Amino acid sequence: MFDKNSNLKEEVFLEEKIDQELSEDTWGEAIIKSYNSNEIIIEASSSGRALLVLSDPFYPGWKAFVDPSTGSGQDGSEVKIYRVDYAFRGIVIPAGKHTVKFTYEPDSFRIGTALGLLGFLGTVTLTLSLSRQGRGKKM
């Protein structure tokens, strides 16, 4: 990374090997259409299969979709997010014009919600059970 011959504007460092072949001498363009704390939408075009790098921190819980529908849900193809330059996110996009959607959906939130709901239902069930037992003992 600190080699004087490295051009960090045109080269990236990856922690793992990309499972797809990237095109040589590819040009492209990316425009951020929407940027929110849990969703980023990018319009990207490329002359060949390329790596789209988003200079936001790589963090577990982010998911990426290429060409999601405009409706609700993630109807596009989910793609793997690679750690780029030790800190950022990158995805492989095919040649052509595409909409890319990054969404933050941490598993910890879903697990916490499920456990909270389970705890609430357990408390309601226990309260109703104890309430019925208390009524049955009155004379």
C-alpha atoms as a PDB file:
ATOM      1  CA  MET A   1       0.000   0.000   0.000  1.00  0.00           C
ATOM      2  CA  PHE A   2       2.887   2.348   0.707  1.00  0.00           C
ATOM      3  CA  ASP A   3       4.759   1.536  -2.497  1.00  0.00           C
ATOM      4  CA  LYS A   4       5.733   4.762  -4.288  1.00  0.00           C
ATOM      5  CA  ASN A   5       4.550   3.251  -7.590  1.00  0.00           C
ATOM      6  CA  SER A   6       1.014   2.688  -6.292  1.00  0.00           C
ATOM      7  CA  ASN A   7      -1.715   4.977  -7.601  1.00  0.00           C
ATOM      8  CA  LEU A   8      -4.350   4.943  -4.867  1.00  0.00           C
ATOM      9  CA  LYS A   9      -6.856   6.706  -7.142  1.00  0.00           C
ATOM     10  CA  GLU A  10      -6.832   3.745  -9.518  1.00  0.00           C
ATOM     11  CA  GLU A  11      -5.855   0.801  -7.308  1.00  0.00           C
ATOM     12  CA  VAL A  12      -7.479  -0.746  -4.270  1.00  0.00           C
ATOM     13  CA  PHE A  13      -6.357  -3.250  -1.676  1.00  0.00           C
ATOM     14  CA  LEU A  14      -8.711  -6.077  -0.770  1.00  0.00           C
ATOM     15  CA  GLU A  15      -8.682  -8.387   2.251  1.00  0.00           C
ATOM     16  CA  GLU A  16      -9.964 -11.279   0.165  1.00  0.00           C
ATOM     17  CA  LYS A  17      -9.928 -12.350  -3.436  1.00  0.00           C
ATOM     18  CA  ILE A  18     -12.893 -11.306  -5.575  1.00  0.00           C
ATOM     19  CA  ASP A  19     -14.671 -14.382  -6.916  1.00  0.00           C
ATOM     20  CA  GLN A  20     -15.390 -12.692 -10.276  1.00  0.00           C
ATOM     21  CA  GLU A  21     -13.061 -11.529 -13.023  1.00  0.00           C
ATOM     22  CA  LEU A  22     -12.936  -7.737 -13.408  1.00  0.00           C
ATOM     23  CA  SER A  23     -12.609  -6.085 -16.809  1.00  0.00           C
ATOM     24  CA  GLU A  24      -9.361  -4.376 -17.808  1.00  0.00           C
ATOM     25  CA  ASP A  25      -9.271  -0.698 -18.831  1.00  0.00           C
ATOM     26  CA  THR A  26     -12.773  -0.066 -17.535  1.00  0.00           C
ATOM     27  CA  TRP A  27     -14.236   3.394 -17.171  1.00  0.00           C
ATOM     28  CA  GLY A  28     -17.278   4.267 -15.155  1.00  0.00           C
ATOM     29  CA  GLU A  29     -19.318   6.855 -13.343  1.00  0.00           C
ATOM     30  CA  ALA A  30     -21.250   6.819 -10.080  1.00  0.00           C
ATOM     31  CA  ILE A  31     -23.753   9.375  -8.823  1.00  0.00           C
ATOM     32  CA  ILE A  32     -25.172   9.252  -5.293  1.00  0.00           C
ATOM     33  CA  LYS A  33     -28.930   9.789  -5.663  1.00  0.00           C
ATOM     34  CA  SER A  34     -29.892   9.408  -2.014  1.00  0.00           C
ATOM     35  CA  TYR A  35     -27.801   9.251   1.153  1.00  0.00           C
ATOM     36  CA  ASN A  36     -29.404   8.475   4.513  1.00  0.00           C
ATOM     37  CA  SER A  37     -28.045   6.889   7.677  1.00  0.00           C
ATOM     38  CA  ASN A  38     -29.437   3.443   6.801  1.00  0.00           C
ATOM     39  CA  GLU A  39     -29.851   3.595   3.011  1.00  0.00           C
ATOM     40  CA  ILE A  40     -27.702   4.806   0.125  1.00  0.00           C
ATOM     41  CA  ILE A  41     -28.827   4.738  -3.518  1.00  0.00           C
ATOM     42  CA  ILE A  42     -26.273   5.112  -6.300  1.00  0.00           C
ATOM     43  CA  GLU A  43     -26.698   5.269 -10.074  1.00  0.00           C
ATOM     44  CA  ALA A  44     -23.602   3.619 -11.555  1.00  0.00           C
ATOM     45  CA  SER A  45     -22.489   2.879 -15.083  1.00  0.00           C
ATOM     46  CA  SER A  46     -19.425   1.017 -16.250  1.00  0.00           C
ATOM     47  CA  SER A  47     -17.936  -0.116 -19.551  1.00  0.00           C
ATOM     48  CA  GLY A  48     -17.129  -3.518 -18.037  1.00  0.00           C
ATOM     49  CA  ARG A  49     -17.363  -5.541 -14.840  1.00  0.00           C
ATOM     50  CA  ALA A  50     -15.856  -3.235 -12.214  1.00  0.00           C
ATOM     51  CA  LEU A  51     -15.455  -2.608  -8.513  1.00  0.00           C
ATOM     52  CA  LEU A  52     -17.629   0.208  -7.171  1.00  0.00           C
ATOM     53  CA  VAL A  53     -16.014   1.646  -4.038  1.00  0.00           C
ATOM     54  CA  LEU A  54     -17.971   3.648  -1.476  1.00  0.00           C
ATOM     55  CA  SER A  55     -15.670   5.521   0.869  1.00  0.00           C
ATOM     56  CA  ASP A  56     -17.900   4.916   3.875  1.00  0.00           C
ATOM     57  CA  PRO A  57     -16.677   2.675   6.690  1.00  0.00           C
ATOM     58  CA  PHE A  58     -16.991  -1.059   6.196  1.00  0.00           C
ATOM     59  CA  TYR A  59     -19.248  -2.289   8.987  1.00  0.00           C
ATOM     60  CA  PRO A  60     -21.222  -5.515   9.504  1.00  0.00           C
ATOM     61  CA  GLY A  61     -24.939  -5.149   8.876  1.00  0.00           C
ATOM     62  CA  TRP A  62     -24.709  -3.390   5.512  1.00  0.00           C
ATOM     63  CA  LYS A  63     -26.227  -5.177   2.519  1.00  0.00           C
ATOM     64  CA  ALA A  64     -25.933  -4.241  -1.143  1.00  0.00           C
ATOM     65  CA  PHE A  65     -28.376  -4.842  -3.984  1.00  0.00           C
ATOM     66  CA  VAL A  66     -27.856  -4.223  -7.692  1.00  0.00           C
ATOM     67  CA  ASP A  67     -30.937  -3.110  -9.635  1.00  0.00           C
ATOM     68  CA  PRO A  68     -33.507  -3.261  -6.813  1.00  0.00           C
ATOM     69  CA  SER A  69     -37.087  -2.570  -7.834  1.00  0.00           C
ATOM     70  CA  THR A  70     -38.558   0.814  -7.071  1.00  0.00           C
ATOM     71  CA  GLY A  71     -41.221  -0.821  -4.908  1.00  0.00           C
ATOM     72  CA  SER A  72     -40.862  -1.935  -1.334  1.00  0.00           C
ATOM     73  CA  GLY A  73     -38.414  -4.656  -0.425  1.00  0.00           C
ATOM     74  CA  GLN A  74     -35.137  -5.737  -1.956  1.00  0.00           C
ATOM     75  CA  ASP A  75     -36.077  -7.300  -5.300  1.00  0.00           C
ATOM     76  CA  GLY A  76     -32.598  -6.825  -6.784  1.00  0.00           C
ATOM     77  CA  SER A  77     -29.727  -9.247  -6.638  1.00  0.00           C
ATOM     78  CA  GLU A  78     -27.910  -9.092  -3.314  1.00  0.00           C
ATOM     79  CA  VAL A  79     -24.181  -8.803  -3.885  1.00  0.00           C
ATOM     80  CA  LYS A  80     -21.218  -9.397  -1.606  1.00  0.00           C
ATOM     81  CA  ILE A  81     -19.626  -6.357   0.015  1.00  0.00           C
ATOM     82  CA  TYR A  82     -15.836  -6.453   0.088  1.00  0.00           C
ATOM     83  CA  ARG A  83     -13.585  -4.612   2.536  1.00  0.00           C
ATOM     84  CA  VAL A  84     -11.579  -2.206   0.382  1.00  0.00           C
ATOM     85  CA  ASP A  85      -8.423  -0.339   1.443  1.00  0.00           C
ATOM     86  CA  TYR A  86      -8.804  -1.747   4.975  1.00  0.00           C
ATOM     87  CA  ALA A  87     -11.696   0.545   5.854  1.00  0.00           C
ATOM     88  CA  PHE A  88     -14.189   1.045   3.016  1.00  0.00           C
ATOM     89  CA  ARG A  89     -16.919  -0.861   1.135  1.00  0.00           C
ATOM     90  CA  GLY A  90     -16.794  -2.145  -2.407  1.00  0.00           C
ATOM     91  CA  ILE A  91     -19.049  -4.247  -4.642  1.00  0.00           C
ATOM     92  CA  VAL A  92     -18.670  -5.748  -8.091  1.00  0.00           C
ATOM     93  CA  ILE A  93     -21.032  -4.299 -10.681  1.00  0.00           C
ATOM     94  CA  PRO A  94     -21.559  -5.674 -14.185  1.00  0.00           C
ATOM     95  CA  ALA A  95     -21.115  -3.640 -17.356  1.00  0.00           C
ATOM     96  CA  GLY A  96     -23.901  -1.195 -18.135  1.00  0.00           C
ATOM     97  CA  LYS A  97     -26.071   1.193 -16.155  1.00  0.00           C
ATOM     98  CA  HIS A  98     -27.305   0.034 -12.747  1.00  0.00           C
ATOM     99  CA  THR A  99     -28.994   1.215  -9.585  1.00  0.00           C
ATOM    100  CA  VAL A 100     -27.145   0.152  -6.452  1.00  0.00           C
ATOM    101  CA  LYS A 101     -28.807   0.187  -3.062  1.00  0.00           C
ATOM    102  CA  PHE A 102     -26.919  -0.151   0.221  1.00  0.00           C
ATOM    103  CA  THR A 103     -29.125  -0.806   3.253  1.00  0.00           C
ATOM    104  CA  TYR A 104     -28.152  -1.112   6.904  1.00  0.00           C
ATOM    105  CA  GLU A 105     -29.932  -4.123   8.359  1.00  0.00           C
ATOM    106  CA  PRO A 106     -27.901  -5.406  11.306  1.00  0.00           C
ATOM    107  CA  ASP A 107     -28.768  -8.871  12.574  1.00  0.00           C
ATOM    108  CA  SER A 108     -28.389  -7.555  16.133  1.00  0.00           C
ATOM    109  CA  PHE A 109     -31.442  -5.320  15.634  1.00  0.00           C
ATOM    110  CA  ARG A 110     -33.599  -8.227  14.424  1.00  0.00           C
ATOM    111  CA  ILE A 111     -32.400 -10.467  17.254  1.00  0.00           C
ATOM    112  CA  GLY A 112     -32.998  -7.718  19.820  1.00  0.00           C
ATOM    113  CA  THR A 113     -36.493  -7.064  18.470  1.00  0.00           C
ATOM    114  CA  ALA A 114     -37.361 -10.775  18.547  1.00  0.00           C
ATOM    115  CA  LEU A 115     -36.031 -11.190  22.102  1.00  0.00           C
ATOM    116  CA  GLY A 116     -37.874  -8.065  23.261  1.00  0.00           C
ATOM    117  CA  LEU A 117     -41.132  -9.328  21.760  1.00  0.00           C
ATOM    118  CA  LEU A 118     -40.583 -12.752  23.287  1.00  0.00           C
ATOM    119  CA  GLY A 119     -39.943 -11.167  26.692  1.00  0.00           C
ATOM    120  CA  PHE A 120     -43.070  -9.029  26.398  1.00  0.00           C
ATOM    121  CA  LEU A 121     -45.234 -12.036  25.446  1.00  0.00           C
ATOM    122  CA  GLY A 122     -43.721 -14.058  28.308  1.00  0.00           C
ATOM    123  CA  THR A 123     -44.520 -11.266  30.772  1.00  0.00           C
ATOM    124  CA  VAL A 124     -48.121 -10.984  29.532  1.00  0.00           C
ATOM    125  CA  THR A 125     -48.577 -14.768  29.689  1.00  0.00           C
ATOM    126  CA  LEU A 126     -47.108 -14.962  33.207  1.00  0.00           C
ATOM    127  CA  THR A 127     -49.241 -12.028  34.391  1.00  0.00           C
ATOM    128  CA  LEU A 128     -52.452 -13.577  33.013  1.00  0.00           C
ATOM    129  CA  SER A 129     -51.553 -16.982  34.475  1.00  0.00           C
ATOM    130  CA  LEU A 130     -50.871 -15.550  37.941  1.00  0.00           C
ATOM    131  CA  SER A 131     -54.015 -13.428  37.738  1.00  0.00           C
ATOM    132  CA  ARG A 132     -56.176 -16.484  37.012  1.00  0.00           C
ATOM    133  CA  GLN A 133     -54.547 -18.498  39.789  1.00  0.00           C
ATOM    134  CA  GLY A 134     -55.171 -15.646  42.218  1.00  0.00           C
ATOM    135  CA  ARG A 135     -58.898 -15.529  41.330  1.00  0.00           C
ATOM    136  CA  GLY A 136     -59.309 -19.268  41.782  1.00  0.00           C
ATOM    137  CA  LYS A 137     -58.000 -19.170  45.392  1.00  0.00           C
ATOM    138  CA  LYS A 138     -60.485 -16.542  46.638  1.00  0.00           C
ATOM    139  CA  MET A 139     -63.276 -17.789  48.832  1.00  0.00           C
END
